[in-house]
Protein backbone atom coordinates (compact mmCIF):
# COMPACT_ATOMS: atom_id res chain seq x y z
CA UNK A 1 99.57 46.93 89.71
CA UNK A 2 103.23 46.56 88.78
CA UNK A 3 105.51 49.48 87.90
CA UNK A 4 105.90 50.25 84.18
CA UNK A 5 109.01 49.24 82.25
CA UNK A 6 110.87 52.38 81.19
CA UNK A 7 113.99 50.95 79.52
CA UNK A 8 114.97 47.57 78.10
CA UNK A 9 118.39 46.72 76.71
CA UNK A 10 118.34 43.51 74.69
CA UNK A 11 120.99 41.38 73.00
CA UNK A 12 119.28 40.16 69.83
CA UNK A 13 120.27 38.00 66.87
CA UNK A 14 118.79 38.93 63.46
CA UNK A 15 119.17 36.97 60.22
CA UNK A 16 121.23 38.85 57.60
CA UNK A 17 118.58 38.10 54.97
CA UNK A 18 115.84 39.39 57.27
CA UNK A 19 114.57 42.96 57.66
CA UNK A 20 117.04 45.84 57.92
CA UNK A 21 117.82 47.33 61.32
CA UNK A 22 115.89 50.40 60.16
CA UNK A 23 112.78 48.26 59.69
CA UNK A 24 113.35 46.52 63.04
CA UNK A 25 113.69 49.89 64.83
CA UNK A 26 110.59 51.33 63.16
CA UNK A 27 108.56 48.21 63.96
CA UNK A 28 109.50 48.31 67.65
CA UNK A 29 108.95 52.09 67.83
CA UNK A 30 105.42 51.65 66.44
CA UNK A 31 104.34 49.77 69.58
CA UNK A 32 102.29 51.61 72.21
CA UNK A 33 104.24 52.87 75.22
CA UNK A 34 107.56 53.20 73.35
CA UNK A 35 109.17 56.62 72.91
CA UNK A 36 112.48 55.67 71.30
CA UNK A 37 114.61 52.81 69.98
CA UNK A 38 118.38 52.63 69.48
CA UNK A 39 119.92 49.70 67.58
CA UNK A 40 123.66 49.12 67.37
CA UNK A 41 125.20 46.29 65.35
CA UNK A 42 127.69 44.52 67.62
CA UNK A 43 128.79 41.70 65.34
CA UNK A 44 128.20 40.36 61.83
CA UNK A 45 128.79 36.94 60.41
CA UNK A 46 127.69 35.22 57.21
CA UNK A 47 124.14 34.45 58.38
CA UNK A 48 123.37 36.67 61.37
CA UNK A 49 123.81 40.11 62.91
CA UNK A 50 124.10 40.51 66.67
CA UNK A 51 122.29 43.66 67.79
CA UNK A 52 122.19 45.71 70.96
CA UNK A 53 118.67 47.16 71.16
CA UNK A 54 117.83 49.88 73.70
CA UNK A 55 114.13 50.70 74.06
CA UNK A 56 112.78 53.56 76.15
CA UNK A 57 109.21 54.57 76.89
CA UNK A 58 106.57 55.34 79.46
CA UNK A 59 105.17 51.80 79.62
CA UNK A 60 107.00 49.18 77.53
CA UNK A 61 105.32 45.80 77.08
CA UNK A 62 108.10 43.19 76.99
CA UNK A 63 105.68 40.61 75.60
CA UNK A 64 104.76 42.88 72.67
CA UNK A 65 108.42 43.68 71.97
CA UNK A 66 109.29 39.97 72.08
CA UNK A 67 106.39 39.10 69.75
CA UNK A 68 107.39 41.87 67.31
CA UNK A 69 111.01 40.71 67.23
CA UNK A 70 109.98 37.08 66.70
CA UNK A 71 107.65 38.11 63.84
CA UNK A 72 110.70 39.75 62.20
CA UNK A 73 112.77 36.56 62.55
CA UNK A 74 114.84 37.85 65.48
CA UNK A 75 115.78 35.99 68.65
CA UNK A 76 116.43 37.59 72.06
CA UNK A 77 119.65 36.17 73.50
CA UNK A 78 119.57 38.10 76.76
CA UNK A 79 117.98 40.96 78.65
CA UNK A 80 120.97 43.11 79.57
CA UNK A 81 119.24 45.97 81.41
CA UNK A 82 115.78 46.72 82.80
CA UNK A 83 114.65 50.00 84.30
CA UNK A 84 111.26 50.24 85.94
CA UNK A 85 109.47 52.53 88.36
CA UNK A 86 108.29 56.12 88.48
CA UNK A 87 111.53 57.43 86.95
CA UNK A 88 114.65 56.25 85.15
CA UNK A 89 117.55 55.58 87.51
CA UNK A 90 120.93 55.77 85.77
CA UNK A 91 123.90 53.78 87.00
CA UNK A 92 126.34 55.96 88.89
CA UNK A 93 129.66 56.57 87.18
CA UNK A 94 132.48 55.08 89.19
CA UNK A 95 135.64 57.12 89.58
CA UNK A 96 138.97 55.46 88.83
């Protein structure tokens, strides 16, 4: 059996006339295995909002997250971070 996904960071495009980021966050958070969702708006234009979505949980299903986002009219542009395994491993801070 593969190790569970514990964190996903996604770059997502959402239509301006689509659901609010509050509704997107609540929809993702309602999925099993998800403990928290953070959405930050990175960019706005006339038709779309570019979002940075961070999802944390004990056992995140990428397929279910992707399906939920697509049902809300959102498109995943990239997967910017994945953390998996028995625990969350943070990136070390580099000293200048």
